[in-house]
Structure formats: structure tokens, C-alpha cells
Protein backbone atom coordinates (compact mmCIF):
# COMPACT_ATOMS: atom_id res chain seq x y z
CA MET A 1 98.16 77.54 77.84
CA ASN A 2 97.24 79.71 74.84
CA GLU A 3 96.85 83.45 75.13
CA CYS A 4 93.44 85.10 75.10
CA SER A 5 91.90 88.55 75.03
CA ILE A 6 89.67 89.58 77.91
CA ALA A 7 87.26 92.27 79.02
CA ILE A 8 86.51 92.95 82.67
CA VAL A 9 83.08 94.49 83.22
CA GLY A 10 82.96 96.15 86.63
CA ALA A 11 86.71 96.74 86.65
CA THR A 12 86.46 99.66 89.09
CA GLY A 13 84.41 97.75 91.70
CA ALA A 14 85.54 95.73 94.73
CA VAL A 15 85.66 92.43 92.83
CA GLY A 16 87.19 94.08 89.75
CA GLU A 17 90.03 95.47 91.83
CA VAL A 18 90.84 92.02 93.21
CA PHE A 19 90.45 90.50 89.74
CA LEU A 20 93.14 92.76 88.29
CA ARG A 21 95.45 91.93 91.19
CA ILE A 22 95.00 88.19 90.61
CA VAL A 23 95.59 88.56 86.85
CA GLU A 24 99.04 89.87 87.73
CA GLU A 25 99.73 87.37 90.53
CA ARG A 26 98.86 84.35 88.35
CA ASP A 27 100.43 85.84 85.21
CA PHE A 28 97.17 85.09 83.43
CA PRO A 29 97.91 84.73 79.69
CA ALA A 30 95.98 87.74 78.43
CA ARG A 31 97.40 89.25 75.24
CA SER A 32 94.99 92.17 75.61
CA ILE A 33 92.89 93.50 78.51
CA ARG A 34 89.89 95.79 78.15
CA LEU A 35 88.50 97.46 81.25
CA CYS A 36 84.80 98.32 81.33
CA ALA A 37 82.56 100.09 83.81
CA SER A 38 79.63 102.49 83.97
CA GLU A 39 79.64 105.88 82.26
CA ARG A 40 80.79 107.69 85.40
CA SER A 41 84.06 105.71 85.36
CA VAL A 42 84.75 105.95 81.63
CA GLY A 43 88.11 107.62 81.02
CA LYS A 44 89.68 106.55 84.30
CA ARG A 45 93.02 104.82 83.88
CA LEU A 46 94.03 101.73 85.84
CA ARG A 47 97.46 100.13 85.91
CA VAL A 48 97.51 96.45 84.96
CA LYS A 49 100.72 94.49 84.40
CA GLY A 50 102.65 97.75 84.26
CA GLU A 51 100.40 99.28 81.61
CA GLU A 52 97.93 102.13 81.98
CA ILE A 53 94.56 101.03 80.56
CA GLU A 54 91.63 103.37 80.05
CA VAL A 55 88.18 102.36 81.25
CA GLU A 56 85.54 102.20 78.51
CA LEU A 57 81.98 101.07 77.94
CA ALA A 58 81.19 97.44 77.12
CA THR A 59 79.85 97.84 73.57
CA PRO A 60 78.85 95.05 71.16
CA LYS A 61 81.98 95.86 69.13
CA LEU A 62 84.22 95.52 72.17
CA LEU A 63 82.59 92.23 73.16
CA SER A 64 83.14 90.91 69.62
CA GLU A 65 86.88 91.51 70.02
CA VAL A 66 87.51 89.45 73.18
CA ASP A 67 87.57 85.76 74.08
CA PHE A 68 86.29 86.18 77.65
CA ALA A 69 84.03 88.80 79.17
CA PHE A 70 84.30 88.65 82.97
CA ILE A 71 81.20 90.34 84.40
CA ALA A 72 81.27 91.53 88.01
CA ALA A 73 78.46 94.03 88.04
CA SER A 74 74.75 94.13 88.85
CA THR A 75 72.29 91.42 87.83
CA ALA A 76 70.69 93.88 85.41
CA VAL A 77 74.04 94.51 83.70
CA SER A 78 74.67 90.77 83.50
CA ARG A 79 71.28 90.12 81.91
CA GLU A 80 72.08 92.68 79.24
CA LEU A 81 75.74 91.98 78.54
CA ALA A 82 76.21 88.22 79.03
CA PRO A 83 73.89 87.21 76.15
CA LEU A 84 75.41 90.00 74.05
CA ALA A 85 78.91 88.67 74.69
CA ALA A 86 77.85 85.13 73.83
CA LYS A 87 76.10 86.35 70.66
CA ASN A 88 79.31 88.06 69.59
CA GLY A 89 81.47 84.98 70.04
CA ALA A 90 82.91 85.58 73.51
CA VAL A 91 82.45 83.49 76.65
CA ALA A 92 80.74 85.44 79.41
CA ILE A 93 81.86 84.38 82.89
CA ASP A 94 79.26 85.94 85.14
CA ASP A 95 79.47 86.68 88.86
CA SER A 96 75.78 87.56 89.30
CA SER A 97 72.81 85.32 90.04
CA ALA A 98 71.19 86.13 86.69
CA PHE A 99 71.82 82.79 84.97
CA ARG A 100 72.94 80.42 87.72
CA MET A 101 69.84 78.26 87.74
CA GLU A 102 69.32 78.19 83.96
CA ALA A 103 69.45 74.57 82.82
CA ASP A 104 71.81 75.28 79.90
CA VAL A 105 74.23 77.50 81.87
CA PRO A 106 77.05 75.71 83.72
CA LEU A 107 77.40 76.78 87.35
CA VAL A 108 81.02 75.98 88.10
CA VAL A 109 83.65 75.71 90.78
CA PRO A 110 86.57 74.17 88.82
CA GLU A 111 87.81 72.01 91.72
CA VAL A 112 84.31 70.54 92.06
CA ASN A 113 82.64 70.30 88.63
CA GLY A 114 84.98 71.60 85.94
CA GLU A 115 83.67 68.97 83.55
CA ASP A 116 80.35 70.84 83.37
CA LEU A 117 82.09 73.46 81.24
CA ASP A 118 82.15 71.10 78.27
CA GLY A 119 78.52 71.84 77.47
CA HIS A 120 78.65 75.61 77.70
CA ARG A 121 76.78 77.82 75.22
CA GLY A 122 78.68 81.02 75.76
CA ILE A 123 77.63 81.84 79.33
CA VAL A 124 79.14 80.35 82.47
CA SER A 125 78.02 81.35 85.98
CA ILE A 126 80.00 81.30 89.17
CA PRO A 127 78.12 80.52 92.39
CA ASN A 128 77.28 82.73 95.31
CA CYS A 129 80.28 83.48 97.53
CA THR A 130 78.83 81.37 100.36
CA THR A 131 78.04 78.40 98.13
CA THR A 132 81.58 78.12 96.76
CA PRO A 133 83.41 77.25 100.01
CA LEU A 134 80.53 75.01 101.07
CA VAL A 135 80.62 72.81 97.96
CA MET A 136 84.41 72.72 97.99
CA ALA A 137 84.29 71.16 101.45
CA LEU A 138 81.28 68.95 100.77
CA LYS A 139 82.12 67.45 97.38
CA PRO A 140 85.20 65.36 98.33
CA LEU A 141 83.31 64.09 101.39
CA HIS A 142 80.17 63.37 99.34
CA GLU A 143 82.22 61.26 96.93
CA GLN A 144 83.24 59.00 99.83
CA ASN A 145 80.04 59.08 101.87
CA ALA A 146 76.86 60.58 100.41
CA VAL A 147 75.70 63.77 102.11
CA ARG A 148 72.04 63.69 103.16
CA ARG A 149 71.54 66.98 104.97
CA VAL A 150 73.40 70.26 105.52
CA ILE A 151 72.65 72.96 108.09
CA ALA A 152 74.73 76.09 107.52
CA SER A 153 74.98 79.38 109.38
CA THR A 154 77.01 82.04 107.61
CA TYR A 155 78.95 85.01 108.96
CA GLN A 156 79.31 87.24 105.92
CA SER A 157 81.58 90.24 105.51
CA VAL A 158 80.32 93.60 104.29
CA THR A 159 82.30 93.46 101.05
CA GLY A 160 79.83 90.83 99.93
CA THR A 161 77.57 93.84 99.45
CA GLY A 162 80.23 96.06 97.89
CA ALA A 163 82.72 98.82 98.56
CA ALA A 164 80.02 101.22 99.76
CA ALA A 165 79.06 98.82 102.55
CA ARG A 166 82.65 98.66 103.76
CA ARG A 167 82.87 102.45 103.82
CA GLU A 168 79.60 102.61 105.74
CA MET A 169 80.80 100.11 108.34
CA GLU A 170 84.01 102.07 108.82
CA GLU A 171 82.18 105.39 109.16
CA GLN A 172 79.62 103.91 111.55
CA SER A 173 82.43 102.49 113.67
CA ARG A 174 84.13 105.88 113.93
CA ALA A 175 80.83 107.59 114.73
CA ALA A 176 79.90 105.07 117.42
CA LEU A 177 83.31 105.24 119.09
CA GLU A 178 83.21 109.03 119.06
CA GLY A 179 79.69 109.14 120.46
CA ARG A 180 78.20 110.62 117.29
CA LYS A 181 74.90 109.65 115.68
CA VAL A 182 75.15 106.55 113.49
CA SER A 183 73.27 106.56 110.20
CA ALA A 184 72.51 103.56 107.95
CA GLU A 185 71.96 103.65 104.20
CA VAL A 186 73.38 100.48 102.64
CA TYR A 187 71.75 98.17 105.20
CA PRO A 188 68.41 98.61 106.98
CA HIS A 189 70.19 98.82 110.34
CA GLN A 190 73.59 99.73 111.74
CA ILE A 191 76.20 97.08 110.90
CA ALA A 192 79.06 98.42 113.06
CA PHE A 193 79.20 96.48 116.36
CA ASN A 194 76.10 94.57 115.25
CA VAL A 195 75.00 91.53 113.25
CA LEU A 196 72.09 91.38 110.80
CA PRO A 197 70.30 88.05 110.18
CA HIS A 198 69.26 89.45 106.82
CA VAL A 199 71.23 88.93 103.59
CA GLU A 200 69.10 89.80 100.54
CA PRO A 201 65.27 89.94 100.48
CA PHE A 202 63.04 87.52 102.37
CA TRP A 203 60.89 84.91 100.63
CA GLU A 204 57.39 83.95 101.76
CA ASN A 205 58.82 80.79 103.32
CA GLY A 206 60.82 82.92 105.79
CA TYR A 207 64.19 82.24 104.14
CA THR A 208 66.15 84.93 102.34
CA ASN A 209 67.19 84.87 98.71
CA GLU A 210 70.78 84.25 99.82
CA GLU A 211 69.73 81.24 101.88
CA MET A 212 67.77 79.73 99.02
CA LYS A 213 70.75 80.26 96.71
CA MET A 214 72.84 78.08 99.00
CA GLN A 215 70.33 75.25 98.72
CA ASN A 216 69.67 75.44 94.99
CA GLU A 217 73.22 76.13 93.87
CA THR A 218 74.70 73.39 96.06
CA ARG A 219 72.34 70.85 94.55
CA LYS A 220 73.13 71.93 90.99
CA ILE A 221 76.92 72.06 91.36
CA MET A 222 77.13 68.70 93.13
CA HIS A 223 74.54 67.03 90.85
CA ALA A 224 72.76 66.00 94.03
CA PRO A 225 69.13 67.21 93.85
CA ASN A 226 68.11 65.36 97.01
CA ILE A 227 70.54 66.99 99.45
CA ARG A 228 68.53 68.91 102.03
CA VAL A 229 70.02 72.30 102.85
CA SER A 230 68.86 74.77 105.50
CA ALA A 231 70.85 78.00 105.78
CA THR A 232 70.76 81.09 107.97
CA CYS A 233 72.79 83.92 106.44
CA VAL A 234 74.07 86.67 108.71
CA ARG A 235 75.93 89.88 107.90
CA VAL A 236 78.71 90.65 110.39
CA PRO A 237 80.99 93.69 110.86
CA VAL A 238 83.98 92.11 109.11
CA ALA A 239 85.66 93.74 106.12
CA ILE A 240 86.68 90.69 104.05
CA SER A 241 86.02 86.93 104.17
CA HIS A 242 82.89 84.92 104.85
CA SER A 243 82.78 82.19 107.48
CA GLU A 244 80.34 79.32 107.90
CA ALA A 245 79.33 76.94 110.66
CA VAL A 246 78.38 73.76 108.81
CA ASN A 247 76.66 70.66 110.18
CA VAL A 248 76.58 67.72 107.78
CA GLU A 249 74.61 64.48 108.03
CA PHE A 250 76.07 61.60 106.00
CA SER A 251 74.50 58.38 104.80
CA GLU A 252 76.96 56.25 106.76
CA PRO A 253 79.00 56.80 109.94
CA ILE A 254 82.13 58.90 109.48
CA SER A 255 84.70 60.02 112.01
CA PRO A 256 86.33 63.45 112.34
CA GLY A 257 89.63 61.78 111.51
CA GLU A 258 88.25 60.44 108.23
CA VAL A 259 86.91 63.90 107.37
CA ARG A 260 90.32 65.45 108.04
CA GLU A 261 92.07 62.82 105.92
CA ILE A 262 89.71 63.37 102.97
CA LEU A 263 89.87 67.16 103.13
CA ALA A 264 93.65 67.18 103.54
CA GLY A 265 93.90 65.83 99.99
CA ALA A 266 91.17 68.01 98.49
CA ALA A 267 92.04 70.70 95.95
CA GLY A 268 91.65 74.25 97.22
CA ILE A 269 91.20 73.22 100.87
CA ARG A 270 93.61 73.99 103.71
CA LEU A 271 93.09 72.38 107.10
CA VAL A 272 93.47 74.80 110.01
CA ASP A 273 92.38 72.49 112.77
CA ASP A 274 94.15 72.46 116.12
CA PRO A 275 91.66 74.11 118.50
CA GLN A 276 93.57 73.03 121.60
CA SER A 277 96.33 75.38 120.40
CA ASN A 278 93.82 78.07 119.40
CA VAL A 279 94.30 77.24 115.72
CA TYR A 280 91.12 77.45 113.64
CA PRO A 281 89.92 79.33 110.55
CA MET A 282 89.26 83.04 110.99
CA PRO A 283 88.23 85.64 108.40
CA ILE A 284 91.35 87.69 109.09
CA GLU A 285 93.47 84.65 108.22
CA ALA A 286 91.48 83.86 105.04
CA ASP A 287 91.81 87.46 103.79
CA GLY A 288 94.04 87.40 100.71
CA GLU A 289 94.26 83.60 100.56
CA ASP A 290 93.10 81.40 97.68
CA GLU A 291 92.17 78.34 99.74
CA VAL A 292 89.09 77.59 101.80
CA LEU A 293 90.22 77.22 105.41
CA VAL A 294 88.53 74.36 107.30
CA GLY A 295 88.73 73.55 111.00
CA ARG A 296 86.80 72.83 114.22
CA ILE A 297 86.07 69.39 112.72
CA ARG A 298 84.17 67.28 115.26
CA SER A 299 81.35 64.80 115.60
CA ASP A 300 77.92 66.41 115.59
CA LEU A 301 76.12 65.49 118.80
CA ALA A 302 72.65 66.18 117.35
CA LEU A 303 72.79 64.42 113.97
CA ASP A 304 73.05 60.75 113.09
CA ASN A 305 76.29 60.20 111.15
CA GLY A 306 76.93 63.90 111.65
CA VAL A 307 80.02 66.07 111.52
CA ALA A 308 80.34 69.77 112.38
CA MET A 309 83.01 72.07 110.95
CA TRP A 310 83.89 75.73 110.46
CA LEU A 311 84.98 77.38 107.20
CA SER A 312 86.49 80.74 106.28
CA CYS A 313 87.05 81.98 102.73
CA ASP A 314 88.00 85.29 101.10
CA ASN A 315 84.73 86.27 99.43
CA LEU A 316 86.40 88.60 96.92
CA ARG A 317 89.03 86.07 95.82
CA LYS A 318 87.79 82.47 95.75
CA GLY A 319 84.25 83.66 96.30
CA ALA A 320 84.36 85.76 93.12
CA ALA A 321 87.39 86.92 91.14
CA LEU A 322 89.68 83.90 91.50
CA ASN A 323 86.92 81.43 90.68
CA SER A 324 86.17 83.34 87.46
CA ILE A 325 89.83 83.29 86.42
CA GLN A 326 90.14 79.58 87.24
CA ILE A 327 87.11 78.89 85.04
CA ALA A 328 88.81 80.66 82.13
CA GLU A 329 92.02 78.71 82.75
CA GLU A 330 90.06 75.45 82.85
CA MET A 331 88.28 76.31 79.60
CA MET A 332 91.56 77.06 77.87
CA GLU A 333 93.03 73.78 79.11
CA ARG A 334 89.98 71.97 77.73
CA GLY A 335 90.10 73.82 74.42
CA LEU A 336 86.69 75.40 74.94
CA LEU A 337 87.33 78.88 73.57
CA ARG A 338 84.68 79.82 71.02
CA ARG A 339 86.89 81.70 68.54
């Protein structure tokens, strides 16, 4: 694999921190690394691969000097910087929802649809951190037996919102246990010892933006516009890792054993499925892992040709940082660098 130069926009955030850790773990072939963040973080120094690197602003000049710009910041920042990176010859790999549903922007999970990268025009999006584990479990099954309908209920950790949400959960927990008043700022209600059936704003149809992302992104990634998806997204008081209860209706009958056999050979999937021995995916077990953990596989009693299963996935790793890095690796393998 050839070397490349990279910029990480949002390097001081929760995803950026994990990104830098994975760069070291995978020995990603970066000949130079530029760290970018907002003005309040400029001048900070972070250690990467044994080197102290100073945080700077993502300027047009900087973006013209790198091969990849990994953007893990707000949607507004992505809308400004991703086109600028592409204009200056870099490939922007964007973690936000800004470009996911644009027809000419690949929305990619490398294990599922890496071939979509071939048509990129300088911007590549990664999916929402609940869509990624869902499509990784669905795609190998869909290839054997077409998926007709998916009903998903998510149990999403607070780091899906950011580092401030984790700090708020921890402070609320201390306050509640000590009998002090609990205040909420990041979320509309207390998250400690509570669950919120509210992830992102509500649409007029009663679904939230997060729930509609799961439908639309799943269809795009799997090239399956007719799959019906209904999701209920819930924020839970967990620090890291999202979990999902997934009910899938297939076109033809399929047994739990067949599902296990297919998923056992699927890239990026690890079966954790022995409930009689209390072995099943849990967010605490997915924390720090690259794979999507799948278990509780059983026949669905309410759906024709249905199977129910449970997933857990580290939302900061495979749900964000790792997927971005894997996209860059895939593009280098395919010779898709722009410079």
C-alpha cells in the first residue's frame, strides 16, 4: 500500500481521539499527518506515532497539501470543508450527514459496497453509526435471500452525541446517587438512569431524523430501494457502543442456523450467540472492538420468513473512525487517489 498524507478535521473530538489511536494500531501508511480543529484548540499538541503534532486550522492551502481529509466535525463544517478539499485535489471522507444522500457521493461501508468508491468525485460519506452495523449484518443475508422488511430498535450510547454528553451523563449519575439536583443541557431530559426515545429532531411523520437515516442510508448502501425499514432510535445511559434489536423479513424461508452459517463467514462480523450460557452481544463487550457482534439469532414469531437478532457495535470505532480509515485503505488498494 502506498503512503499518503492526511488531515484530520475534528482531531480533538471524541471520534478524532479514536481515529488517532486506530492510525497507530493499524500502522496506517501516512507519511504526514495534519491535525485540525476549531480556533479554540489551535496550538494544542497531540502525540501521534511518537511525534508531537500541533493542531491548526483547515485552510485551503493545507487541504491542497494532503491526499485525504478525514472530517469528523459538525455538518456545517463538513459542508464548508469537504467541497473545498475536493476542489483542492484531496479526497474528503466525511463522517457527517451533509452529503450522504447526494446521488454523486458514495456512501460506503467497505465490507458491504467498497466498489461504489470507483465513481467518487472527491467526497465520500460514511453512514450513520446505527446504519453501519445494520447493513453489515443484512448484506450477506440479502445476497442469499432478499430482505423485504426490517424493523429495528436501537439502544444508542451517549458518545453518539459527543464528549459533552458523556460528561453530562457521568455528572448526572453522581448527582442522582448523592441526592443532588440533576440538570440537563445536552439532552432535553436527564439521561442518567433513564432512556430517551428521541435521537435527533422529529419529522412530521412522527419519526426522527436518525430513524429516517437508517431507512434511506440502508437502501442506498445495499442498492435495494424497495427494502422497507421502520426504526425506533433510543438514547440509553451507556458510554460507548450502540446496540440494535433487529427483526428481518426475508423473501423465502430461512432458519436461524442458516443465518448463523452465513454471518459466520461475513467480513467484520463476529457471532456471539450462546444465550443458554449467557453469551450474547453487549455494549461493554463491543467497546474497543472492530467487529459487529451478532447474537440472539432466532426465528421471528410475528413475521413470515422472519428472523430476529441483536447487534452491538462500538460507535466510535466501526461506527465512525475505523470505517473512515478502511475507506482510505480501500481507495489506495484500488488506486483511487486523486493526486
